[in-house]
């Protein structure tokens, strides 16, 4: 009976591991896309600088490039914090009893 219990534990562990794989893959995919988004936000800086250089200094209404940079930096930091945050702690699973004979 001892071998049967060990096999049952291994089967239960394998089932739990297989159930967790799609969740891990989805989280990794999301992190990869968010990392790309951070990269794209960073890539905007040269374009913003170019637009700022081309701006009409005598315009009545001027675009606030510094405000744009602050907002983009906030977005980049928020995304980066989410990427770097540890994954949620795994749920506690109560142990199997293992002994089915009384």
N, C-alpha and C. Protein backbone atom coordinates (compact mmCIF):
# COMPACT_ATOMS: atom_id res chain seq x y z
N UNK A 1 0.81 -1.19 0.00
CA UNK A 1 0.00 0.00 0.00
C UNK A 1 0.86 1.27 0.00
N UNK A 2 2.05 1.17 0.56
CA UNK A 2 2.94 2.33 0.63
C UNK A 2 3.31 2.81 -0.77
N UNK A 3 3.60 1.92 -1.70
CA UNK A 3 3.92 2.26 -3.08
C UNK A 3 2.73 2.94 -3.75
N UNK A 4 1.53 2.48 -3.47
CA UNK A 4 0.31 3.06 -4.04
C UNK A 4 0.16 4.52 -3.58
N UNK A 5 0.44 4.78 -2.32
CA UNK A 5 0.33 6.15 -1.80
C UNK A 5 1.34 7.07 -2.49
N UNK A 6 2.55 6.58 -2.65
CA UNK A 6 3.59 7.38 -3.31
C UNK A 6 3.17 7.69 -4.75
N UNK A 7 2.63 6.70 -5.44
CA UNK A 7 2.17 6.91 -6.81
C UNK A 7 1.04 7.92 -6.86
N UNK A 8 0.15 7.83 -5.89
CA UNK A 8 -0.97 8.77 -5.83
C UNK A 8 -0.48 10.19 -5.60
N UNK A 9 0.50 10.37 -4.72
CA UNK A 9 1.07 11.70 -4.48
C UNK A 9 1.73 12.24 -5.75
N UNK A 10 2.48 11.39 -6.44
CA UNK A 10 3.14 11.82 -7.67
C UNK A 10 2.13 12.20 -8.74
N UNK A 11 1.05 11.44 -8.85
CA UNK A 11 0.00 11.74 -9.81
C UNK A 11 -0.67 13.07 -9.48
N UNK A 12 -0.96 13.31 -8.20
CA UNK A 12 -1.57 14.57 -7.79
C UNK A 12 -0.63 15.74 -8.05
N UNK A 13 0.66 15.58 -7.76
CA UNK A 13 1.63 16.65 -8.00
C UNK A 13 1.75 16.96 -9.49
N UNK A 14 1.76 15.93 -10.31
CA UNK A 14 1.85 16.12 -11.76
C UNK A 14 0.61 16.86 -12.28
N UNK A 15 -0.55 16.50 -11.75
CA UNK A 15 -1.79 17.18 -12.15
C UNK A 15 -1.78 18.65 -11.79
N UNK A 16 -1.30 18.96 -10.58
CA UNK A 16 -1.22 20.36 -10.17
C UNK A 16 -0.22 21.12 -11.02
N UNK A 17 0.91 20.51 -11.34
CA UNK A 17 1.92 21.18 -12.16
C UNK A 17 1.39 21.45 -13.56
N UNK A 18 0.68 20.51 -14.14
CA UNK A 18 0.12 20.70 -15.48
C UNK A 18 -0.94 21.80 -15.48
N UNK A 19 -1.71 21.88 -14.42
CA UNK A 19 -2.74 22.92 -14.33
C UNK A 19 -2.11 24.30 -14.21
N UNK A 20 -0.94 24.40 -13.62
CA UNK A 20 -0.28 25.70 -13.43
C UNK A 20 0.47 26.17 -14.66
N UNK A 21 0.82 25.30 -15.60
CA UNK A 21 1.62 25.68 -16.75
C UNK A 21 0.98 26.77 -17.62
N UNK A 22 -0.31 26.68 -17.97
CA UNK A 22 -0.88 27.76 -18.79
C UNK A 22 -0.83 29.11 -18.09
N UNK A 23 -1.03 29.14 -16.79
CA UNK A 23 -0.98 30.41 -16.06
C UNK A 23 0.42 31.00 -16.11
N UNK A 24 1.45 30.17 -15.99
CA UNK A 24 2.81 30.67 -16.05
C UNK A 24 3.13 31.18 -17.44
N UNK A 25 2.70 30.48 -18.46
CA UNK A 25 2.97 30.89 -19.82
C UNK A 25 2.29 32.22 -20.13
N UNK A 26 1.04 32.39 -19.67
CA UNK A 26 0.33 33.63 -19.91
C UNK A 26 1.03 34.80 -19.24
N UNK A 27 1.49 34.60 -18.01
CA UNK A 27 2.19 35.65 -17.28
C UNK A 27 3.48 36.04 -17.96
N UNK A 28 4.21 35.05 -18.48
CA UNK A 28 5.46 35.33 -19.19
C UNK A 28 5.19 36.09 -20.49
N UNK A 29 4.14 35.70 -21.17
CA UNK A 29 3.79 36.39 -22.42
C UNK A 29 3.41 37.84 -22.16
N UNK A 30 2.64 38.05 -21.11
CA UNK A 30 2.25 39.42 -20.76
C UNK A 30 3.48 40.25 -20.41
N UNK A 31 4.38 39.68 -19.63
CA UNK A 31 5.59 40.41 -19.25
C UNK A 31 6.43 40.77 -20.48
N UNK A 32 6.51 39.88 -21.44
CA UNK A 32 7.28 40.15 -22.65
C UNK A 32 6.67 41.30 -23.43
N UNK A 33 5.36 41.31 -23.55
CA UNK A 33 4.69 42.39 -24.29
C UNK A 33 4.82 43.71 -23.53
N UNK A 34 4.70 43.66 -22.22
CA UNK A 34 4.87 44.89 -21.44
C UNK A 34 6.31 45.41 -21.54
N UNK A 35 7.29 44.52 -21.58
CA UNK A 35 8.68 44.95 -21.76
C UNK A 35 8.85 45.64 -23.11
N UNK A 36 8.18 45.11 -24.14
CA UNK A 36 8.21 45.77 -25.45
C UNK A 36 7.59 47.15 -25.38
N UNK A 37 6.51 47.27 -24.61
CA UNK A 37 5.84 48.56 -24.46
C UNK A 37 6.77 49.57 -23.79
N UNK A 38 7.49 49.14 -22.75
CA UNK A 38 8.47 50.03 -22.11
C UNK A 38 9.51 50.48 -23.13
N UNK A 39 9.98 49.56 -23.95
CA UNK A 39 10.96 49.89 -24.98
C UNK A 39 10.40 50.92 -25.95
N UNK A 40 9.15 50.75 -26.35
CA UNK A 40 8.53 51.68 -27.29
C UNK A 40 8.38 53.07 -26.67
N UNK A 41 8.02 53.12 -25.40
CA UNK A 41 7.92 54.42 -24.71
C UNK A 41 9.28 55.11 -24.70
N UNK A 42 10.33 54.35 -24.41
CA UNK A 42 11.69 54.91 -24.41
C UNK A 42 12.09 55.39 -25.80
N UNK A 43 11.62 54.69 -26.83
CA UNK A 43 11.96 55.05 -28.20
C UNK A 43 11.28 56.34 -28.65
N UNK A 44 10.30 56.82 -27.90
CA UNK A 44 9.62 58.07 -28.24
C UNK A 44 10.47 59.30 -27.95
N UNK A 45 11.44 59.20 -27.06
CA UNK A 45 12.22 60.37 -26.64
C UNK A 45 12.87 61.11 -27.81
N UNK A 46 13.55 60.43 -28.74
CA UNK A 46 14.14 61.18 -29.86
C UNK A 46 13.08 61.88 -30.72
N UNK A 47 11.92 61.27 -30.86
CA UNK A 47 10.85 61.88 -31.66
C UNK A 47 10.30 63.11 -30.94
N UNK A 48 10.15 63.00 -29.63
CA UNK A 48 9.67 64.14 -28.84
C UNK A 48 10.68 65.29 -28.92
N UNK A 49 11.96 64.96 -28.82
CA UNK A 49 13.00 65.99 -28.90
C UNK A 49 13.00 66.67 -30.27
N UNK A 50 12.79 65.89 -31.32
CA UNK A 50 12.73 66.46 -32.67
C UNK A 50 11.53 67.39 -32.80
N UNK A 51 10.38 66.96 -32.32
CA UNK A 51 9.18 67.81 -32.39
C UNK A 51 9.40 69.10 -31.59
N UNK A 52 10.04 68.99 -30.46
CA UNK A 52 10.30 70.16 -29.62
C UNK A 52 11.23 71.14 -30.35
N UNK A 53 12.23 70.63 -31.04
CA UNK A 53 13.15 71.49 -31.80
C UNK A 53 12.42 72.19 -32.96
N UNK A 54 11.45 71.52 -33.54
CA UNK A 54 10.71 72.07 -34.67
C UNK A 54 9.57 73.00 -34.26
N UNK A 55 9.28 73.07 -32.98
CA UNK A 55 8.14 73.86 -32.50
C UNK A 55 8.37 75.35 -32.76
N UNK A 56 7.29 76.03 -33.03
CA UNK A 56 7.33 77.48 -33.25
C UNK A 56 7.43 78.18 -31.90
N UNK A 57 8.54 78.82 -31.66
CA UNK A 57 8.77 79.49 -30.37
C UNK A 57 7.82 80.65 -30.16
N UNK A 58 7.27 81.21 -31.23
CA UNK A 58 6.37 82.37 -31.12
C UNK A 58 4.89 81.98 -31.14
N UNK A 59 4.60 80.70 -31.11
CA UNK A 59 3.20 80.24 -31.16
C UNK A 59 2.45 80.71 -29.91
N UNK A 60 1.18 81.06 -30.13
CA UNK A 60 0.35 81.51 -29.01
C UNK A 60 0.08 80.37 -28.04
N UNK A 61 -0.20 79.20 -28.57
CA UNK A 61 -0.43 78.01 -27.75
C UNK A 61 0.70 77.04 -28.05
N UNK A 62 1.44 76.69 -27.00
CA UNK A 62 2.60 75.81 -27.19
C UNK A 62 2.35 74.47 -26.52
N UNK A 63 2.83 73.45 -27.16
CA UNK A 63 2.73 72.09 -26.62
C UNK A 63 3.71 71.96 -25.46
N UNK A 64 3.26 71.34 -24.38
CA UNK A 64 4.08 71.18 -23.18
C UNK A 64 4.85 69.86 -23.23
N UNK A 65 6.02 69.88 -23.84
CA UNK A 65 6.82 68.67 -24.00
C UNK A 65 7.30 68.11 -22.67
N UNK A 66 7.58 68.99 -21.73
CA UNK A 66 8.04 68.50 -20.43
C UNK A 66 6.92 67.75 -19.71
N UNK A 67 5.68 68.19 -19.86
CA UNK A 67 4.56 67.47 -19.25
C UNK A 67 4.41 66.08 -19.89
N UNK A 68 4.57 66.04 -21.22
CA UNK A 68 4.49 64.76 -21.93
C UNK A 68 5.57 63.81 -21.41
N UNK A 69 6.79 64.32 -21.25
CA UNK A 69 7.89 63.47 -20.75
C UNK A 69 7.59 62.95 -19.35
N UNK A 70 7.03 63.79 -18.49
CA UNK A 70 6.70 63.36 -17.12
C UNK A 70 5.64 62.27 -17.17
N UNK A 71 4.60 62.45 -17.98
CA UNK A 71 3.54 61.44 -18.07
C UNK A 71 4.08 60.12 -18.63
N UNK A 72 4.91 60.18 -19.66
CA UNK A 72 5.48 58.96 -20.21
C UNK A 72 6.39 58.26 -19.21
N UNK A 73 7.13 59.04 -18.44
CA UNK A 73 8.00 58.45 -17.40
C UNK A 73 7.16 57.75 -16.34
N UNK A 74 6.03 58.33 -15.98
CA UNK A 74 5.13 57.69 -15.00
C UNK A 74 4.59 56.37 -15.54
N UNK A 75 4.18 56.39 -16.81
CA UNK A 75 3.66 55.16 -17.41
C UNK A 75 4.75 54.09 -17.47
N UNK A 76 5.95 54.51 -17.90
CA UNK A 76 7.06 53.55 -17.99
C UNK A 76 7.37 52.96 -16.62
N UNK A 77 7.41 53.79 -15.59
CA UNK A 77 7.71 53.29 -14.24
C UNK A 77 6.62 52.34 -13.74
N UNK A 78 5.36 52.67 -13.99
CA UNK A 78 4.27 51.80 -13.55
C UNK A 78 4.34 50.44 -14.24
N UNK A 79 4.60 50.43 -15.52
CA UNK A 79 4.71 49.17 -16.26
C UNK A 79 5.91 48.39 -15.76
N UNK A 80 7.04 49.07 -15.57
CA UNK A 80 8.26 48.40 -15.10
C UNK A 80 8.05 47.80 -13.72
N UNK A 81 7.37 48.52 -12.84
CA UNK A 81 7.08 47.99 -11.50
C UNK A 81 6.23 46.73 -11.58
N UNK A 82 5.27 46.73 -12.50
CA UNK A 82 4.43 45.53 -12.66
C UNK A 82 5.25 44.36 -13.17
N UNK A 83 6.14 44.63 -14.12
CA UNK A 83 6.98 43.57 -14.68
C UNK A 83 7.88 42.98 -13.59
N UNK A 84 8.45 43.83 -12.76
CA UNK A 84 9.42 43.39 -11.76
C UNK A 84 8.78 42.86 -10.48
N UNK A 85 7.48 43.07 -10.31
CA UNK A 85 6.81 42.61 -9.10
C UNK A 85 6.83 41.08 -9.05
N UNK A 86 7.05 40.54 -7.87
CA UNK A 86 7.03 39.07 -7.78
C UNK A 86 5.65 38.53 -8.11
N UNK A 87 5.65 37.35 -8.66
CA UNK A 87 4.38 36.70 -8.96
C UNK A 87 3.64 36.43 -7.66
N UNK A 88 2.36 36.26 -7.78
CA UNK A 88 1.56 35.96 -6.60
C UNK A 88 2.04 34.66 -5.96
N UNK A 89 1.98 34.64 -4.67
CA UNK A 89 2.37 33.43 -3.95
C UNK A 89 1.44 32.29 -4.33
N UNK A 90 1.98 31.09 -4.49
CA UNK A 90 1.12 29.96 -4.82
C UNK A 90 0.15 29.66 -3.68
N UNK A 91 -1.00 29.18 -4.06
CA UNK A 91 -1.99 28.83 -3.05
C UNK A 91 -1.52 27.64 -2.24
N UNK A 92 -1.90 27.64 -1.00
CA UNK A 92 -1.60 26.51 -0.13
C UNK A 92 -2.58 25.39 -0.45
N UNK A 93 -2.05 24.22 -0.68
CA UNK A 93 -2.88 23.06 -0.98
C UNK A 93 -2.80 22.12 0.21
N UNK A 94 -3.95 21.77 0.80
CA UNK A 94 -3.89 20.87 1.95
C UNK A 94 -3.32 19.51 1.54
N UNK A 95 -2.55 18.89 2.43
CA UNK A 95 -1.95 17.60 2.07
C UNK A 95 -3.03 16.53 1.87
N UNK A 96 -2.70 15.58 1.02
CA UNK A 96 -3.60 14.44 0.83
C UNK A 96 -3.50 13.54 2.04
N UNK A 97 -4.59 12.94 2.36
CA UNK A 97 -4.58 12.05 3.51
C UNK A 97 -3.73 10.81 3.23
N UNK A 98 -3.92 10.21 2.08
CA UNK A 98 -3.08 9.11 1.65
C UNK A 98 -3.50 7.75 2.17
N UNK A 99 -4.08 7.65 3.33
CA UNK A 99 -4.47 6.35 3.89
C UNK A 99 -5.99 6.24 3.77
N UNK A 100 -6.44 5.36 2.87
CA UNK A 100 -7.87 5.27 2.61
C UNK A 100 -8.51 4.06 3.28
N UNK A 101 -7.77 3.37 4.07
CA UNK A 101 -8.31 2.20 4.78
C UNK A 101 -8.53 2.57 6.23
N UNK A 102 -9.59 2.10 6.79
CA UNK A 102 -9.89 2.32 8.21
C UNK A 102 -10.15 1.02 8.86
